[in-house]
Amino acid sequence: MFMQQDWLMRQIEIMTKAITQLLFGKDGKECMIEEEFEQEQSVKLKKRLDDLLEEGQLGKAEDLLFFELDEGDISILAVAVYFYQRANIMTDEELEAQGFTRSELWEGLGEVVERYGLLIPGFWDKP
């Protein structure tokens, strides 16, 4: 189980960096997407997600993210990538305490990517 979770953690990290590099033109070394958070809606959403994560409400944060997704607004995609990067650094124990698994993070990221039409063959096969 540990090896599968570790593998998923690396996959999420790789995928968020790949999305950032492809969509936002970053070099992939230290993929920062802060400049994509310029629109007021994305700034507010990022703040609300950060607050929920700090309060230990990962599920509520992910629900909010999906409610706010706007396929026409790439800055919201940037927030989604940021959210999954941040959630992915949580330990397995922290995720479990909030009723989450790394597989659920992977599936959530996959759904976001699919909604934005960024299907990447082979990446979202069930682990």
Protein backbone atom coordinates (compact mmCIF):
# COMPACT_ATOMS: atom_id res chain seq x y z
CA MET A 1 0.00 0.00 0.00
CA PHE A 2 2.80 2.43 0.89
CA MET A 3 4.49 1.94 -2.49
CA GLN A 4 1.22 2.58 -4.35
CA GLN A 5 0.62 5.78 -2.35
CA ASP A 6 4.20 6.92 -2.99
CA TRP A 7 3.77 6.20 -6.70
CA LEU A 8 0.51 8.18 -6.77
CA MET A 9 2.15 11.07 -4.95
CA ARG A 10 4.87 11.22 -7.62
CA GLN A 11 2.30 10.93 -10.42
CA ILE A 12 0.29 13.85 -9.05
CA GLU A 13 3.45 15.93 -8.71
CA ILE A 14 4.55 15.09 -12.26
CA MET A 15 1.12 15.80 -13.72
CA THR A 16 0.65 19.16 -12.00
CA LYS A 17 4.10 20.23 -13.21
CA ALA A 18 3.34 19.02 -16.75
CA ILE A 19 0.03 20.92 -16.84
CA THR A 20 1.74 24.05 -15.58
CA GLN A 21 4.49 23.75 -18.15
CA LEU A 22 2.15 23.04 -21.06
CA LEU A 23 -0.50 25.64 -20.33
CA PHE A 24 1.40 28.41 -18.63
CA GLY A 25 4.74 28.16 -20.43
CA LYS A 26 6.85 27.52 -17.36
CA ASP A 27 10.24 25.86 -17.57
CA GLY A 28 9.21 22.97 -15.32
CA LYS A 29 11.99 23.43 -12.77
CA GLU A 30 10.04 25.13 -9.99
CA CYS A 31 6.59 25.55 -11.52
CA MET A 32 5.12 28.60 -9.85
CA ILE A 33 1.78 29.76 -11.18
CA GLU A 34 1.24 32.73 -8.91
CA GLU A 35 1.01 35.19 -11.81
CA GLU A 36 -2.03 33.29 -13.11
CA PHE A 37 -3.90 34.31 -9.95
CA GLU A 38 -4.46 37.86 -11.19
CA GLN A 39 -8.22 37.69 -11.74
CA GLU A 40 -10.30 38.61 -8.73
CA GLN A 41 -12.38 35.41 -8.85
CA SER A 42 -9.30 33.18 -8.81
CA VAL A 43 -7.68 35.21 -6.01
CA LYS A 44 -10.77 34.82 -3.83
CA LEU A 45 -11.08 31.11 -4.64
CA LYS A 46 -7.42 30.45 -3.83
CA LYS A 47 -7.82 32.23 -0.48
CA ARG A 48 -10.97 30.27 0.39
CA LEU A 49 -9.28 26.98 -0.54
CA ASP A 50 -6.21 27.85 1.52
CA ASP A 51 -8.40 28.68 4.51
CA LEU A 52 -10.31 25.40 4.22
CA LEU A 53 -7.11 23.39 3.90
CA GLU A 54 -5.67 25.09 6.98
CA GLU A 55 -8.87 24.22 8.85
CA GLY A 56 -8.49 20.55 7.88
CA GLN A 57 -11.46 20.57 5.52
CA LEU A 58 -10.01 19.02 2.39
CA GLY A 59 -13.32 17.53 1.25
CA LYS A 60 -15.15 20.82 1.57
CA ALA A 61 -12.30 22.56 -0.26
CA GLU A 62 -12.45 20.11 -3.16
CA ASP A 63 -16.25 20.47 -3.34
CA LEU A 64 -15.83 24.25 -3.54
CA LEU A 65 -13.20 23.91 -6.24
CA PHE A 66 -15.48 21.79 -8.40
CA PHE A 67 -18.38 24.17 -7.83
CA GLU A 68 -16.23 27.11 -9.01
CA LEU A 69 -14.61 25.41 -12.02
CA ASP A 70 -15.08 27.46 -15.17
CA GLU A 71 -13.75 25.82 -18.30
CA GLY A 72 -13.53 29.24 -19.95
CA ASP A 73 -11.29 30.68 -17.23
CA ILE A 74 -7.75 29.34 -17.27
CA SER A 75 -6.95 31.16 -14.02
CA ILE A 76 -9.35 28.78 -12.23
CA LEU A 77 -7.42 25.87 -13.75
CA ALA A 78 -4.28 27.43 -12.27
CA VAL A 79 -6.01 27.47 -8.87
CA ALA A 80 -7.01 23.82 -9.32
CA VAL A 81 -3.44 22.82 -10.11
CA TYR A 82 -2.24 24.76 -7.07
CA PHE A 83 -4.89 23.07 -4.91
CA TYR A 84 -3.82 19.56 -5.95
CA GLN A 85 -0.15 20.43 -5.53
CA ARG A 86 -0.87 21.62 -2.01
CA ALA A 87 -3.10 18.66 -1.11
CA ASN A 88 -0.53 16.26 -2.52
CA ILE A 89 2.14 17.34 -0.04
CA MET A 90 -0.07 16.20 2.84
CA THR A 91 1.03 12.97 4.44
CA ASP A 92 -1.01 9.82 3.96
CA GLU A 93 -2.01 10.09 7.62
CA GLU A 94 -3.25 13.67 7.16
CA LEU A 95 -5.25 12.64 4.12
CA GLU A 96 -6.72 9.64 5.93
CA ALA A 97 -7.71 11.80 8.91
CA GLN A 98 -9.78 13.88 6.50
CA GLY A 99 -11.33 10.85 4.83
CA PHE A 100 -9.21 11.09 1.69
CA THR A 101 -6.78 8.89 -0.13
CA ARG A 102 -4.09 9.81 -2.60
CA SER A 103 -6.13 7.91 -5.22
CA GLU A 104 -8.97 10.35 -4.68
CA LEU A 105 -6.60 13.27 -5.27
CA TRP A 106 -5.45 11.61 -8.48
CA GLU A 107 -9.05 11.09 -9.62
CA GLY A 108 -9.99 14.68 -8.75
CA LEU A 109 -7.05 16.07 -10.71
CA GLY A 110 -8.03 13.83 -13.61
CA GLU A 111 -11.58 15.14 -13.56
CA VAL A 112 -10.37 18.75 -13.57
CA VAL A 113 -8.06 18.06 -16.50
CA GLU A 114 -10.89 16.33 -18.37
CA ARG A 115 -13.26 19.26 -17.81
CA TYR A 116 -10.71 21.58 -19.38
CA GLY A 117 -10.32 19.22 -22.34
CA LEU A 118 -6.75 18.23 -21.51
CA LEU A 119 -7.05 14.49 -21.92
CA ILE A 120 -3.64 12.89 -21.65
CA PRO A 121 -3.79 9.23 -22.73
CA GLY A 122 -2.37 6.75 -20.28
CA PHE A 123 -2.30 9.06 -17.29
CA TRP A 124 -5.72 8.42 -15.86
CA ASP A 125 -5.87 4.67 -16.07
CA LYS A 126 -6.96 3.36 -12.69
CA PRO A 127 -3.90 2.61 -10.53
